[in-house]
Amino acid sequence: MKCNVGPTDRLLRIIIGLVILVIGYINSSWWGLIGLIPLLTGLFRWCPLYKPFKLNTNNNTE
């Protein structure tokens, strides 16, 4: 898997994912688990939805 999530995109995904998880936890809702999607894509620096659209926010060529 080639990294296609850049540093700014990564930081935003991690923050948004954590916020969604916390809100879901506070409200005792399973919907908070949706926060795992942006959190994991930020941590792994790879987004599967970017591939078919040929998007890449990572400026580094690794």
PDB file of N, CA and C in Angstrom:
ATOM      1  N   MET A   1       0.838  -1.176   0.000  1.00  0.00           N
ATOM      2  CA  MET A   1       0.000   0.000   0.000  1.00  0.00           C
ATOM      3  C   MET A   1       0.882   1.237   0.000  1.00  0.00           C
ATOM      4  N   LYS A   2       0.694   2.058  -0.986  1.00  0.00           N
ATOM      5  CA  LYS A   2       1.438   3.293  -1.089  1.00  0.00           C
ATOM      6  C   LYS A   2       0.691   4.384  -0.328  1.00  0.00           C
ATOM      7  N   CYS A   3       1.400   5.152   0.461  1.00  0.00           N
ATOM      8  CA  CYS A   3       0.775   6.208   1.262  1.00  0.00           C
ATOM      9  C   CYS A   3       0.145   7.248   0.334  1.00  0.00           C
ATOM     10  N   ASN A   4      -1.134   7.542   0.554  1.00  0.00           N
ATOM     11  CA  ASN A   4      -1.797   8.555  -0.255  1.00  0.00           C
ATOM     12  C   ASN A   4      -2.472   9.624   0.608  1.00  0.00           C
ATOM     13  N   VAL A   5      -2.167   9.640   1.895  1.00  0.00           N
ATOM     14  CA  VAL A   5      -2.706  10.636   2.821  1.00  0.00           C
ATOM     15  C   VAL A   5      -1.550  11.482   3.335  1.00  0.00           C
ATOM     16  N   GLY A   6      -1.618  12.777   3.072  1.00  0.00           N
ATOM     17  CA  GLY A   6      -0.559  13.689   3.470  1.00  0.00           C
ATOM     18  C   GLY A   6      -0.621  14.054   4.943  1.00  0.00           C
ATOM     19  N   PRO A   7       0.369  14.813   5.414  1.00  0.00           N
ATOM     20  CA  PRO A   7       0.460  15.122   6.843  1.00  0.00           C
ATOM     21  C   PRO A   7      -0.721  15.941   7.388  1.00  0.00           C
ATOM     22  N   THR A   8      -1.174  16.941   6.664  1.00  0.00           N
ATOM     23  CA  THR A   8      -2.309  17.749   7.133  1.00  0.00           C
ATOM     24  C   THR A   8      -3.583  16.925   7.120  1.00  0.00           C
ATOM     25  N   ASP A   9      -3.801  16.196   6.031  1.00  0.00           N
ATOM     26  CA  ASP A   9      -4.955  15.316   5.902  1.00  0.00           C
ATOM     27  C   ASP A   9      -4.944  14.277   7.019  1.00  0.00           C
ATOM     28  N   ARG A  10      -3.769  13.749   7.309  1.00  0.00           N
ATOM     29  CA  ARG A  10      -3.620  12.727   8.348  1.00  0.00           C
ATOM     30  C   ARG A  10      -4.008  13.273   9.723  1.00  0.00           C
ATOM     31  N   LEU A  11      -3.503  14.453  10.048  1.00  0.00           N
ATOM     32  CA  LEU A  11      -3.802  15.066  11.336  1.00  0.00           C
ATOM     33  C   LEU A  11      -5.302  15.329  11.487  1.00  0.00           C
ATOM     34  N   LEU A  12      -5.924  15.864  10.438  1.00  0.00           N
ATOM     35  CA  LEU A  12      -7.363  16.124  10.488  1.00  0.00           C
ATOM     36  C   LEU A  12      -8.167  14.846  10.658  1.00  0.00           C
ATOM     37  N   ARG A  13      -7.775  13.787   9.960  1.00  0.00           N
ATOM     38  CA  ARG A  13      -8.484  12.512  10.071  1.00  0.00           C
ATOM     39  C   ARG A  13      -8.386  11.944  11.490  1.00  0.00           C
ATOM     40  N   ILE A  14      -7.199  12.027  12.077  1.00  0.00           N
ATOM     41  CA  ILE A  14      -7.012  11.499  13.427  1.00  0.00           C
ATOM     42  C   ILE A  14      -7.841  12.290  14.428  1.00  0.00           C
ATOM     43  N   ILE A  15      -7.810  13.606  14.330  1.00  0.00           N
ATOM     44  CA  ILE A  15      -8.584  14.445  15.254  1.00  0.00           C
ATOM     45  C   ILE A  15     -10.079  14.201  15.088  1.00  0.00           C
ATOM     46  N   ILE A  16     -10.566  14.207  13.850  1.00  0.00           N
ATOM     47  CA  ILE A  16     -11.993  13.987  13.596  1.00  0.00           C
ATOM     48  C   ILE A  16     -12.420  12.604  14.068  1.00  0.00           C
ATOM     49  N   GLY A  17     -11.604  11.598  13.801  1.00  0.00           N
ATOM     50  CA  GLY A  17     -11.920  10.247  14.241  1.00  0.00           C
ATOM     51  C   GLY A  17     -12.033  10.143  15.749  1.00  0.00           C
ATOM     52  N   LEU A  18     -11.095  10.768  16.456  1.00  0.00           N
ATOM     53  CA  LEU A  18     -11.137  10.745  17.916  1.00  0.00           C
ATOM     54  C   LEU A  18     -12.350  11.492  18.461  1.00  0.00           C
ATOM     55  N   VAL A  19     -12.688  12.616  17.846  1.00  0.00           N
ATOM     56  CA  VAL A  19     -13.856  13.384  18.287  1.00  0.00           C
ATOM     57  C   VAL A  19     -15.132  12.570  18.102  1.00  0.00           C
ATOM     58  N   ILE A  20     -15.275  11.903  16.962  1.00  0.00           N
ATOM     59  CA  ILE A  20     -16.467  11.083  16.717  1.00  0.00           C
ATOM     60  C   ILE A  20     -16.537   9.930  17.713  1.00  0.00           C
ATOM     61  N   LEU A  21     -15.405   9.295  17.986  1.00  0.00           N
ATOM     62  CA  LEU A  21     -15.381   8.211  18.970  1.00  0.00           C
ATOM     63  C   LEU A  21     -15.795   8.692  20.357  1.00  0.00           C
ATOM     64  N   VAL A  22     -15.281   9.845  20.764  1.00  0.00           N
ATOM     65  CA  VAL A  22     -15.602  10.378  22.089  1.00  0.00           C
ATOM     66  C   VAL A  22     -17.081  10.754  22.173  1.00  0.00           C
ATOM     67  N   ILE A  23     -17.609  11.390  21.146  1.00  0.00           N
ATOM     68  CA  ILE A  23     -19.029  11.753  21.140  1.00  0.00           C
ATOM     69  C   ILE A  23     -19.894  10.499  21.200  1.00  0.00           C
ATOM     70  N   GLY A  24     -19.511   9.480  20.451  1.00  0.00           N
ATOM     71  CA  GLY A  24     -20.252   8.221  20.510  1.00  0.00           C
ATOM     72  C   GLY A  24     -20.190   7.575  21.877  1.00  0.00           C
ATOM     73  N   TYR A  25     -19.039   7.661  22.523  1.00  0.00           N
ATOM     74  CA  TYR A  25     -18.883   7.096  23.865  1.00  0.00           C
ATOM     75  C   TYR A  25     -19.719   7.869  24.887  1.00  0.00           C
ATOM     76  N   ILE A  26     -19.673   9.188  24.793  1.00  0.00           N
ATOM     77  CA  ILE A  26     -20.442  10.022  25.719  1.00  0.00           C
ATOM     78  C   ILE A  26     -21.938   9.757  25.578  1.00  0.00           C
ATOM     79  N   ASN A  27     -22.401   9.588  24.350  1.00  0.00           N
ATOM     80  CA  ASN A  27     -23.823   9.353  24.099  1.00  0.00           C
ATOM     81  C   ASN A  27     -24.193   7.878  24.175  1.00  0.00           C
ATOM     82  N   SER A  28     -23.264   7.019  24.518  1.00  0.00           N
ATOM     83  CA  SER A  28     -23.485   5.563  24.579  1.00  0.00           C
ATOM     84  C   SER A  28     -24.101   5.037  23.291  1.00  0.00           C
ATOM     85  N   SER A  29     -23.519   5.442  22.174  1.00  0.00           N
ATOM     86  CA  SER A  29     -24.048   5.070  20.868  1.00  0.00           C
ATOM     87  C   SER A  29     -23.002   4.291  20.076  1.00  0.00           C
ATOM     88  N   TRP A  30     -23.474   3.252  19.406  1.00  0.00           N
ATOM     89  CA  TRP A  30     -22.592   2.484  18.526  1.00  0.00           C
ATOM     90  C   TRP A  30     -22.168   3.290  17.305  1.00  0.00           C
ATOM     91  N   TRP A  31     -22.888   4.350  16.985  1.00  0.00           N
ATOM     92  CA  TRP A  31     -22.538   5.184  15.844  1.00  0.00           C
ATOM     93  C   TRP A  31     -21.160   5.821  16.020  1.00  0.00           C
ATOM     94  N   GLY A  32     -20.687   5.904  17.231  1.00  0.00           N
ATOM     95  CA  GLY A  32     -19.368   6.455  17.481  1.00  0.00           C
ATOM     96  C   GLY A  32     -18.255   5.634  16.858  1.00  0.00           C
ATOM     97  N   LEU A  33     -18.549   4.357  16.593  1.00  0.00           N
ATOM     98  CA  LEU A  33     -17.533   3.503  15.964  1.00  0.00           C
ATOM     99  C   LEU A  33     -17.206   3.940  14.535  1.00  0.00           C
ATOM    100  N   ILE A  34     -18.046   4.760  13.955  1.00  0.00           N
ATOM    101  CA  ILE A  34     -17.749   5.301  12.624  1.00  0.00           C
ATOM    102  C   ILE A  34     -16.465   6.127  12.679  1.00  0.00           C
ATOM    103  N   GLY A  35     -16.140   6.637  13.841  1.00  0.00           N
ATOM    104  CA  GLY A  35     -14.904   7.392  14.017  1.00  0.00           C
ATOM    105  C   GLY A  35     -13.655   6.568  13.770  1.00  0.00           C
ATOM    106  N   LEU A  36     -13.789   5.238  13.798  1.00  0.00           N
ATOM    107  CA  LEU A  36     -12.634   4.377  13.515  1.00  0.00           C
ATOM    108  C   LEU A  36     -12.171   4.517  12.069  1.00  0.00           C
ATOM    109  N   ILE A  37     -13.076   4.838  11.159  1.00  0.00           N
ATOM    110  CA  ILE A  37     -12.707   4.936   9.740  1.00  0.00           C
ATOM    111  C   ILE A  37     -11.701   6.061   9.511  1.00  0.00           C
ATOM    112  N   PRO A  38     -12.024   7.313   9.871  1.00  0.00           N
ATOM    113  CA  PRO A  38     -11.000   8.350   9.656  1.00  0.00           C
ATOM    114  C   PRO A  38      -9.771   8.153  10.545  1.00  0.00           C
ATOM    115  N   LEU A  39      -9.963   7.613  11.742  1.00  0.00           N
ATOM    116  CA  LEU A  39      -8.828   7.385  12.635  1.00  0.00           C
ATOM    117  C   LEU A  39      -7.851   6.387  12.024  1.00  0.00           C
ATOM    118  N   LEU A  40      -8.350   5.269  11.543  1.00  0.00           N
ATOM    119  CA  LEU A  40      -7.464   4.243  10.975  1.00  0.00           C
ATOM    120  C   LEU A  40      -6.840   4.687   9.656  1.00  0.00           C
ATOM    121  N   THR A  41      -7.607   5.395   8.811  1.00  0.00           N
ATOM    122  CA  THR A  41      -7.007   5.868   7.561  1.00  0.00           C
ATOM    123  C   THR A  41      -5.923   6.903   7.845  1.00  0.00           C
ATOM    124  N   GLY A  42      -6.092   7.670   8.912  1.00  0.00           N
ATOM    125  CA  GLY A  42      -5.045   8.619   9.289  1.00  0.00           C
ATOM    126  C   GLY A  42      -3.825   7.929   9.858  1.00  0.00           C
ATOM    127  N   LEU A  43      -4.035   6.908  10.677  1.00  0.00           N
ATOM    128  CA  LEU A  43      -2.912   6.195  11.284  1.00  0.00           C
ATOM    129  C   LEU A  43      -2.124   5.384  10.255  1.00  0.00           C
ATOM    130  N   PHE A  44      -2.843   4.767   9.305  1.00  0.00           N
ATOM    131  CA  PHE A  44      -2.167   3.949   8.286  1.00  0.00           C
ATOM    132  C   PHE A  44      -1.706   4.772   7.083  1.00  0.00           C
ATOM    133  N   ARG A  45      -2.120   6.038   7.027  1.00  0.00           N
ATOM    134  CA  ARG A  45      -1.760   6.953   5.934  1.00  0.00           C
ATOM    135  C   ARG A  45      -2.175   6.431   4.569  1.00  0.00           C
ATOM    136  N   TRP A  46      -3.280   5.698   4.522  1.00  0.00           N
ATOM    137  CA  TRP A  46      -3.783   5.165   3.264  1.00  0.00           C
ATOM    138  C   TRP A  46      -5.300   5.167   3.289  1.00  0.00           C
ATOM    139  N   CYS A  47      -5.908   5.745   2.271  1.00  0.00           N
ATOM    140  CA  CYS A  47      -7.366   5.808   2.175  1.00  0.00           C
ATOM    141  C   CYS A  47      -7.805   5.029   0.937  1.00  0.00           C
ATOM    142  N   PRO A  48      -8.622   3.987   1.135  1.00  0.00           N
ATOM    143  CA  PRO A  48      -9.049   3.185  -0.014  1.00  0.00           C
ATOM    144  C   PRO A  48      -9.940   3.962  -0.993  1.00  0.00           C
ATOM    145  N   LEU A  49     -10.645   4.985  -0.541  1.00  0.00           N
ATOM    146  CA  LEU A  49     -11.484   5.772  -1.451  1.00  0.00           C
ATOM    147  C   LEU A  49     -10.677   6.692  -2.356  1.00  0.00           C
ATOM    148  N   TYR A  50      -9.457   7.009  -1.974  1.00  0.00           N
ATOM    149  CA  TYR A  50      -8.608   7.849  -2.815  1.00  0.00           C
ATOM    150  C   TYR A  50      -8.146   7.104  -4.067  1.00  0.00           C
ATOM    151  N   LYS A  51      -7.986   5.796  -3.976  1.00  0.00           N
ATOM    152  CA  LYS A  51      -7.428   5.012  -5.083  1.00  0.00           C
ATOM    153  C   LYS A  51      -8.272   5.082  -6.363  1.00  0.00           C
ATOM    154  N   PRO A  52      -9.584   4.779  -6.334  1.00  0.00           N
ATOM    155  CA  PRO A  52     -10.346   4.819  -7.593  1.00  0.00           C
ATOM    156  C   PRO A  52     -10.463   6.230  -8.174  1.00  0.00           C
ATOM    157  N   PHE A  53     -10.367   7.243  -7.332  1.00  0.00           N
ATOM    158  CA  PHE A  53     -10.461   8.620  -7.812  1.00  0.00           C
ATOM    159  C   PHE A  53      -9.092   9.217  -8.122  1.00  0.00           C
ATOM    160  N   LYS A  54      -8.044   8.415  -7.942  1.00  0.00           N
ATOM    161  CA  LYS A  54      -6.659   8.819  -8.202  1.00  0.00           C
ATOM    162  C   LYS A  54      -6.284  10.107  -7.439  1.00  0.00           C
ATOM    163  N   LEU A  55      -6.708  10.170  -6.183  1.00  0.00           N
ATOM    164  CA  LEU A  55      -6.374  11.298  -5.321  1.00  0.00           C
ATOM    165  C   LEU A  55      -5.151  10.954  -4.485  1.00  0.00           C
ATOM    166  N   ASN A  56      -4.376  11.975  -4.161  1.00  0.00           N
ATOM    167  CA  ASN A  56      -3.187  11.791  -3.344  1.00  0.00           C
ATOM    168  C   ASN A  56      -2.858  13.116  -2.676  1.00  0.00           C
ATOM    169  N   THR A  57      -2.935  13.170  -1.354  1.00  0.00           N
ATOM    170  CA  THR A  57      -2.592  14.392  -0.635  1.00  0.00           C
ATOM    171  C   THR A  57      -1.177  14.323  -0.079  1.00  0.00           C
ATOM    172  N   ASN A  58      -0.478  13.233  -0.340  1.00  0.00           N
ATOM    173  CA  ASN A  58       0.889  13.050   0.143  1.00  0.00           C
ATOM    174  C   ASN A  58       1.854  13.606  -0.903  1.00  0.00           C
ATOM    175  N   ASN A  59       2.625  14.607  -0.532  1.00  0.00           N
ATOM    176  CA  ASN A  59       3.573  15.219  -1.461  1.00  0.00           C
ATOM    177  C   ASN A  59       4.846  14.396  -1.593  1.00  0.00           C
ATOM    178  N   ASN A  60       5.148  13.558  -0.615  1.00  0.00           N
ATOM    179  CA  ASN A  60       6.349  12.729  -0.663  1.00  0.00           C
ATOM    180  C   ASN A  60       6.110  11.545  -1.574  1.00  0.00           C
ATOM    181  N   THR A  61       7.121  11.211  -2.350  1.00  0.00           N
ATOM    182  CA  THR A  61       7.027  10.010  -3.188  1.00  0.00           C
ATOM    183  C   THR A  61       7.820   8.917  -2.512  1.00  0.00           C
ATOM    184  N   GLU A  62       7.113   8.011  -1.889  1.00  0.00           N
ATOM    185  CA  GLU A  62       7.762   6.917  -1.152  1.00  0.00           C
ATOM    186  C   GLU A  62       7.718   5.650  -1.961  1.00  0.00           C
TER     187      GLU A  62
END
